[in-house]
Amino acid sequence: MIHLCTTCPDLDSARDIASAALQARLAACANITEGVLSLFYWQDAIEEEPEVHLLLKTRAAHIAALAQLVAEEHPYDLPVITWEEVGTTPEATAWLERETGG
């Protein structure tokens, strides 16, 4: 299972990206967490912004297409999109593959 993550400026944008990913069957599940405080360098200054964390559960075959969808739907000029492989149960793997056309 792959967890693809990004942060969004608000709940609505995270929900919109999650809905687009689910409708395209590129993700089987989205988890949205509010209340994230992000500190980062942007244009030679340290910025501090409240954000919303978006985690999408997918499979390796969909990483490129899902990252592209997130980038296209994202309101930021430069959304940071990361992913990692995580272990899971055979049942969760089967569900993920079933829901994403595997």
N, C-alpha and C. Protein backbone atom coordinates (compact mmCIF):
# COMPACT_ATOMS: atom_id res chain seq x y z
N MET A 1 0.85 -1.17 0.00
CA MET A 1 0.00 0.00 0.00
C MET A 1 0.90 1.23 0.00
N ILE A 2 0.47 2.24 -0.72
CA ILE A 2 1.18 3.51 -0.78
C ILE A 2 0.35 4.57 -0.07
N HIS A 3 1.00 5.36 0.78
CA HIS A 3 0.39 6.55 1.36
C HIS A 3 0.97 7.74 0.63
N LEU A 4 0.14 8.45 -0.11
CA LEU A 4 0.54 9.67 -0.80
C LEU A 4 -0.01 10.84 0.01
N CYS A 5 0.86 11.80 0.34
CA CYS A 5 0.49 12.87 1.25
C CYS A 5 0.76 14.25 0.65
N THR A 6 -0.03 15.20 1.09
CA THR A 6 0.21 16.61 0.80
C THR A 6 -0.48 17.42 1.88
N THR A 7 -0.23 18.71 1.89
CA THR A 7 -0.97 19.61 2.77
C THR A 7 -1.74 20.58 1.89
N CYS A 8 -2.85 21.06 2.43
CA CYS A 8 -3.74 21.97 1.71
C CYS A 8 -4.03 23.18 2.59
N PRO A 9 -4.44 24.28 1.98
CA PRO A 9 -4.69 25.48 2.77
C PRO A 9 -5.95 25.40 3.63
N ASP A 10 -6.89 24.52 3.26
CA ASP A 10 -8.16 24.45 4.00
C ASP A 10 -8.85 23.12 3.74
N LEU A 11 -9.90 22.88 4.52
CA LEU A 11 -10.64 21.63 4.44
C LEU A 11 -11.30 21.46 3.07
N ASP A 12 -11.84 22.53 2.52
CA ASP A 12 -12.53 22.42 1.23
C ASP A 12 -11.60 21.96 0.11
N SER A 13 -10.40 22.51 0.05
CA SER A 13 -9.48 22.10 -1.01
C SER A 13 -9.03 20.66 -0.80
N ALA A 14 -8.79 20.25 0.43
CA ALA A 14 -8.42 18.85 0.71
C ALA A 14 -9.55 17.92 0.32
N ARG A 15 -10.78 18.30 0.65
CA ARG A 15 -11.94 17.48 0.31
C ARG A 15 -12.12 17.38 -1.21
N ASP A 16 -11.90 18.49 -1.92
CA ASP A 16 -12.03 18.48 -3.38
C ASP A 16 -11.01 17.56 -4.04
N ILE A 17 -9.77 17.63 -3.58
CA ILE A 17 -8.71 16.77 -4.13
C ILE A 17 -9.02 15.30 -3.81
N ALA A 18 -9.43 15.03 -2.57
CA ALA A 18 -9.77 13.66 -2.18
C ALA A 18 -10.91 13.13 -3.02
N SER A 19 -11.94 13.91 -3.23
CA SER A 19 -13.08 13.47 -4.03
C SER A 19 -12.67 13.17 -5.46
N ALA A 20 -11.84 14.02 -6.04
CA ALA A 20 -11.37 13.80 -7.41
C ALA A 20 -10.56 12.51 -7.50
N ALA A 21 -9.71 12.25 -6.52
CA ALA A 21 -8.89 11.03 -6.51
C ALA A 21 -9.76 9.78 -6.36
N LEU A 22 -10.76 9.86 -5.49
CA LEU A 22 -11.65 8.72 -5.29
C LEU A 22 -12.52 8.47 -6.53
N GLN A 23 -13.04 9.53 -7.11
CA GLN A 23 -13.88 9.38 -8.31
C GLN A 23 -13.09 8.80 -9.47
N ALA A 24 -11.82 9.16 -9.58
CA ALA A 24 -10.96 8.63 -10.64
C ALA A 24 -10.47 7.22 -10.33
N ARG A 25 -10.81 6.71 -9.15
CA ARG A 25 -10.38 5.38 -8.68
C ARG A 25 -8.86 5.26 -8.58
N LEU A 26 -8.21 6.40 -8.34
CA LEU A 26 -6.76 6.40 -8.13
C LEU A 26 -6.41 6.22 -6.66
N ALA A 27 -7.38 6.37 -5.80
CA ALA A 27 -7.21 6.14 -4.36
C ALA A 27 -8.42 5.40 -3.85
N ALA A 28 -8.21 4.59 -2.83
CA ALA A 28 -9.31 3.84 -2.22
C ALA A 28 -9.84 4.53 -0.98
N CYS A 29 -9.06 5.45 -0.43
CA CYS A 29 -9.43 6.10 0.83
C CYS A 29 -8.66 7.40 0.95
N ALA A 30 -9.28 8.35 1.61
CA ALA A 30 -8.60 9.61 1.93
C ALA A 30 -8.80 9.91 3.41
N ASN A 31 -7.73 10.32 4.05
CA ASN A 31 -7.79 10.76 5.45
C ASN A 31 -7.39 12.23 5.48
N ILE A 32 -8.23 13.04 6.11
CA ILE A 32 -7.98 14.48 6.19
C ILE A 32 -7.86 14.85 7.66
N THR A 33 -6.77 15.53 7.99
CA THR A 33 -6.54 15.95 9.37
C THR A 33 -6.40 17.46 9.41
N GLU A 34 -7.26 18.10 10.18
CA GLU A 34 -7.20 19.55 10.34
C GLU A 34 -6.26 19.90 11.49
N GLY A 35 -5.89 21.16 11.56
CA GLY A 35 -5.13 21.64 12.69
C GLY A 35 -3.63 21.45 12.59
N VAL A 36 -3.11 21.37 11.38
CA VAL A 36 -1.67 21.23 11.17
C VAL A 36 -1.05 22.62 11.07
N LEU A 37 0.02 22.85 11.78
CA LEU A 37 0.76 24.10 11.66
C LEU A 37 2.04 23.81 10.91
N SER A 38 2.22 24.45 9.77
CA SER A 38 3.40 24.21 8.94
C SER A 38 4.33 25.42 8.98
N LEU A 39 5.60 25.15 9.15
CA LEU A 39 6.65 26.16 9.04
C LEU A 39 7.56 25.75 7.90
N PHE A 40 7.88 26.68 7.00
CA PHE A 40 8.64 26.32 5.81
C PHE A 40 9.30 27.56 5.22
N TYR A 41 10.35 27.31 4.45
CA TYR A 41 10.98 28.38 3.68
C TYR A 41 10.18 28.60 2.40
N TRP A 42 9.90 29.84 2.08
CA TRP A 42 9.25 30.19 0.82
C TRP A 42 9.75 31.57 0.41
N GLN A 43 10.39 31.61 -0.72
CA GLN A 43 10.92 32.85 -1.28
C GLN A 43 11.81 33.58 -0.27
N ASP A 44 12.79 32.84 0.25
CA ASP A 44 13.83 33.36 1.14
C ASP A 44 13.34 33.83 2.50
N ALA A 45 12.18 33.35 2.93
CA ALA A 45 11.68 33.72 4.25
C ALA A 45 11.04 32.49 4.90
N ILE A 46 11.07 32.47 6.22
CA ILE A 46 10.38 31.41 6.94
C ILE A 46 8.92 31.83 7.09
N GLU A 47 8.04 30.97 6.61
CA GLU A 47 6.60 31.20 6.69
C GLU A 47 5.99 30.26 7.72
N GLU A 48 4.85 30.65 8.25
CA GLU A 48 4.11 29.81 9.19
C GLU A 48 2.64 29.91 8.82
N GLU A 49 2.04 28.77 8.51
CA GLU A 49 0.65 28.76 8.04
C GLU A 49 -0.11 27.57 8.63
N PRO A 50 -1.37 27.78 8.98
CA PRO A 50 -2.22 26.63 9.32
C PRO A 50 -2.56 25.88 8.04
N GLU A 51 -2.53 24.56 8.09
CA GLU A 51 -2.84 23.75 6.92
C GLU A 51 -3.66 22.53 7.32
N VAL A 52 -4.08 21.81 6.31
CA VAL A 52 -4.83 20.57 6.47
C VAL A 52 -4.01 19.47 5.81
N HIS A 53 -3.80 18.36 6.49
CA HIS A 53 -3.02 17.24 5.95
C HIS A 53 -3.96 16.29 5.21
N LEU A 54 -3.56 15.91 4.01
CA LEU A 54 -4.33 14.97 3.19
C LEU A 54 -3.48 13.74 2.91
N LEU A 55 -4.00 12.58 3.28
CA LEU A 55 -3.33 11.31 3.02
C LEU A 55 -4.26 10.48 2.14
N LEU A 56 -3.73 9.99 1.02
CA LEU A 56 -4.49 9.16 0.08
C LEU A 56 -3.87 7.77 0.05
N LYS A 57 -4.71 6.74 0.15
CA LYS A 57 -4.24 5.36 0.11
C LYS A 57 -4.42 4.83 -1.31
N THR A 58 -3.32 4.36 -1.88
CA THR A 58 -3.33 3.89 -3.26
C THR A 58 -2.38 2.72 -3.42
N ARG A 59 -2.16 2.32 -4.66
CA ARG A 59 -1.18 1.26 -4.94
C ARG A 59 -0.10 1.80 -5.86
N ALA A 60 1.01 1.10 -5.91
CA ALA A 60 2.19 1.59 -6.63
C ALA A 60 1.89 1.94 -8.08
N ALA A 61 1.04 1.19 -8.72
CA ALA A 61 0.74 1.43 -10.13
C ALA A 61 0.08 2.79 -10.37
N HIS A 62 -0.48 3.40 -9.33
CA HIS A 62 -1.20 4.68 -9.49
C HIS A 62 -0.42 5.90 -9.00
N ILE A 63 0.80 5.71 -8.52
CA ILE A 63 1.52 6.85 -7.94
C ILE A 63 1.63 8.02 -8.91
N ALA A 64 2.11 7.79 -10.11
CA ALA A 64 2.33 8.89 -11.05
C ALA A 64 1.03 9.60 -11.40
N ALA A 65 -0.01 8.83 -11.71
CA ALA A 65 -1.29 9.45 -12.08
C ALA A 65 -1.92 10.18 -10.90
N LEU A 66 -1.81 9.61 -9.70
CA LEU A 66 -2.38 10.27 -8.53
C LEU A 66 -1.61 11.54 -8.19
N ALA A 67 -0.29 11.50 -8.24
CA ALA A 67 0.50 12.71 -7.98
C ALA A 67 0.17 13.79 -8.99
N GLN A 68 -0.03 13.43 -10.25
CA GLN A 68 -0.39 14.41 -11.27
C GLN A 68 -1.77 15.01 -10.99
N LEU A 69 -2.73 14.17 -10.62
CA LEU A 69 -4.07 14.68 -10.29
C LEU A 69 -4.00 15.64 -9.12
N VAL A 70 -3.28 15.27 -8.08
CA VAL A 70 -3.15 16.14 -6.90
C VAL A 70 -2.52 17.48 -7.31
N ALA A 71 -1.46 17.44 -8.09
CA ALA A 71 -0.79 18.67 -8.54
C ALA A 71 -1.73 19.55 -9.35
N GLU A 72 -2.52 18.94 -10.23
CA GLU A 72 -3.43 19.71 -11.08
C GLU A 72 -4.58 20.32 -10.30
N GLU A 73 -5.08 19.61 -9.29
CA GLU A 73 -6.22 20.07 -8.51
C GLU A 73 -5.83 20.99 -7.35
N HIS A 74 -4.56 21.01 -7.02
CA HIS A 74 -4.08 21.72 -5.83
C HIS A 74 -4.04 23.23 -6.05
N PRO A 75 -4.44 24.02 -5.06
CA PRO A 75 -4.41 25.47 -5.23
C PRO A 75 -3.02 26.11 -5.07
N TYR A 76 -2.06 25.40 -4.51
CA TYR A 76 -0.72 25.97 -4.32
C TYR A 76 0.06 26.00 -5.63
N ASP A 77 0.97 26.98 -5.75
CA ASP A 77 1.88 27.03 -6.88
C ASP A 77 2.82 25.82 -6.88
N LEU A 78 3.24 25.42 -5.70
CA LEU A 78 4.17 24.29 -5.56
C LEU A 78 3.70 23.38 -4.42
N PRO A 79 2.74 22.50 -4.71
CA PRO A 79 2.33 21.58 -3.64
C PRO A 79 3.42 20.53 -3.43
N VAL A 80 3.75 20.28 -2.19
CA VAL A 80 4.71 19.23 -1.87
C VAL A 80 3.92 17.93 -1.75
N ILE A 81 4.25 16.99 -2.62
CA ILE A 81 3.56 15.70 -2.67
C ILE A 81 4.60 14.63 -2.38
N THR A 82 4.34 13.83 -1.36
CA THR A 82 5.27 12.77 -1.00
C THR A 82 4.50 11.45 -0.93
N TRP A 83 5.26 10.35 -0.99
CA TRP A 83 4.63 9.05 -0.82
C TRP A 83 5.62 8.08 -0.24
N GLU A 84 5.06 7.06 0.38
CA GLU A 84 5.86 5.99 0.95
C GLU A 84 5.06 4.70 0.94
N GLU A 85 5.78 3.60 0.85
CA GLU A 85 5.13 2.30 0.91
C GLU A 85 4.98 1.93 2.38
N VAL A 86 3.82 1.42 2.73
CA VAL A 86 3.56 0.97 4.10
C VAL A 86 3.06 -0.46 4.06
N GLY A 87 3.37 -1.19 5.08
CA GLY A 87 2.88 -2.55 5.19
C GLY A 87 1.42 -2.56 5.65
N THR A 88 0.71 -3.60 5.27
CA THR A 88 -0.68 -3.75 5.69
C THR A 88 -1.07 -5.21 5.64
N THR A 89 -2.29 -5.50 6.00
CA THR A 89 -2.78 -6.88 6.01
C THR A 89 -3.17 -7.32 4.61
N PRO A 90 -3.21 -8.62 4.37
CA PRO A 90 -3.66 -9.12 3.07
C PRO A 90 -5.09 -8.66 2.74
N GLU A 91 -5.93 -8.57 3.76
CA GLU A 91 -7.31 -8.14 3.54
C GLU A 91 -7.38 -6.69 3.10
N ALA A 92 -6.57 -5.84 3.72
CA ALA A 92 -6.54 -4.42 3.32
C ALA A 92 -5.95 -4.26 1.92
N THR A 93 -4.96 -5.07 1.60
CA THR A 93 -4.38 -5.04 0.25
C THR A 93 -5.43 -5.43 -0.78
N ALA A 94 -6.18 -6.48 -0.51
CA ALA A 94 -7.23 -6.92 -1.44
C ALA A 94 -8.29 -5.84 -1.62
N TRP A 95 -8.70 -5.19 -0.53
CA TRP A 95 -9.67 -4.10 -0.61
C TRP A 95 -9.14 -2.96 -1.45
N LEU A 96 -7.89 -2.57 -1.21
CA LEU A 96 -7.28 -1.48 -1.96
C LEU A 96 -7.24 -1.79 -3.45
N GLU A 97 -6.82 -2.98 -3.78
CA GLU A 97 -6.74 -3.36 -5.20
C GLU A 97 -8.13 -3.43 -5.83
N ARG A 98 -9.09 -3.93 -5.10
CA ARG A 98 -10.46 -3.99 -5.61
C ARG A 98 -11.02 -2.59 -5.88
N GLU A 99 -10.77 -1.65 -4.98
CA GLU A 99 -11.33 -0.31 -5.10
C GLU A 99 -10.59 0.57 -6.10
N THR A 100 -9.38 0.18 -6.47
CA THR A 100 -8.61 1.00 -7.42
C THR A 100 -8.37 0.26 -8.73
N GLY A 101 -9.21 -0.71 -9.01
CA GLY A 101 -9.14 -1.39 -10.30
C GLY A 101 -8.02 -2.38 -10.45
N GLY A 102 -7.53 -2.91 -9.33
CA GLY A 102 -6.44 -3.87 -9.38
C GLY A 102 -6.93 -5.22 -9.74
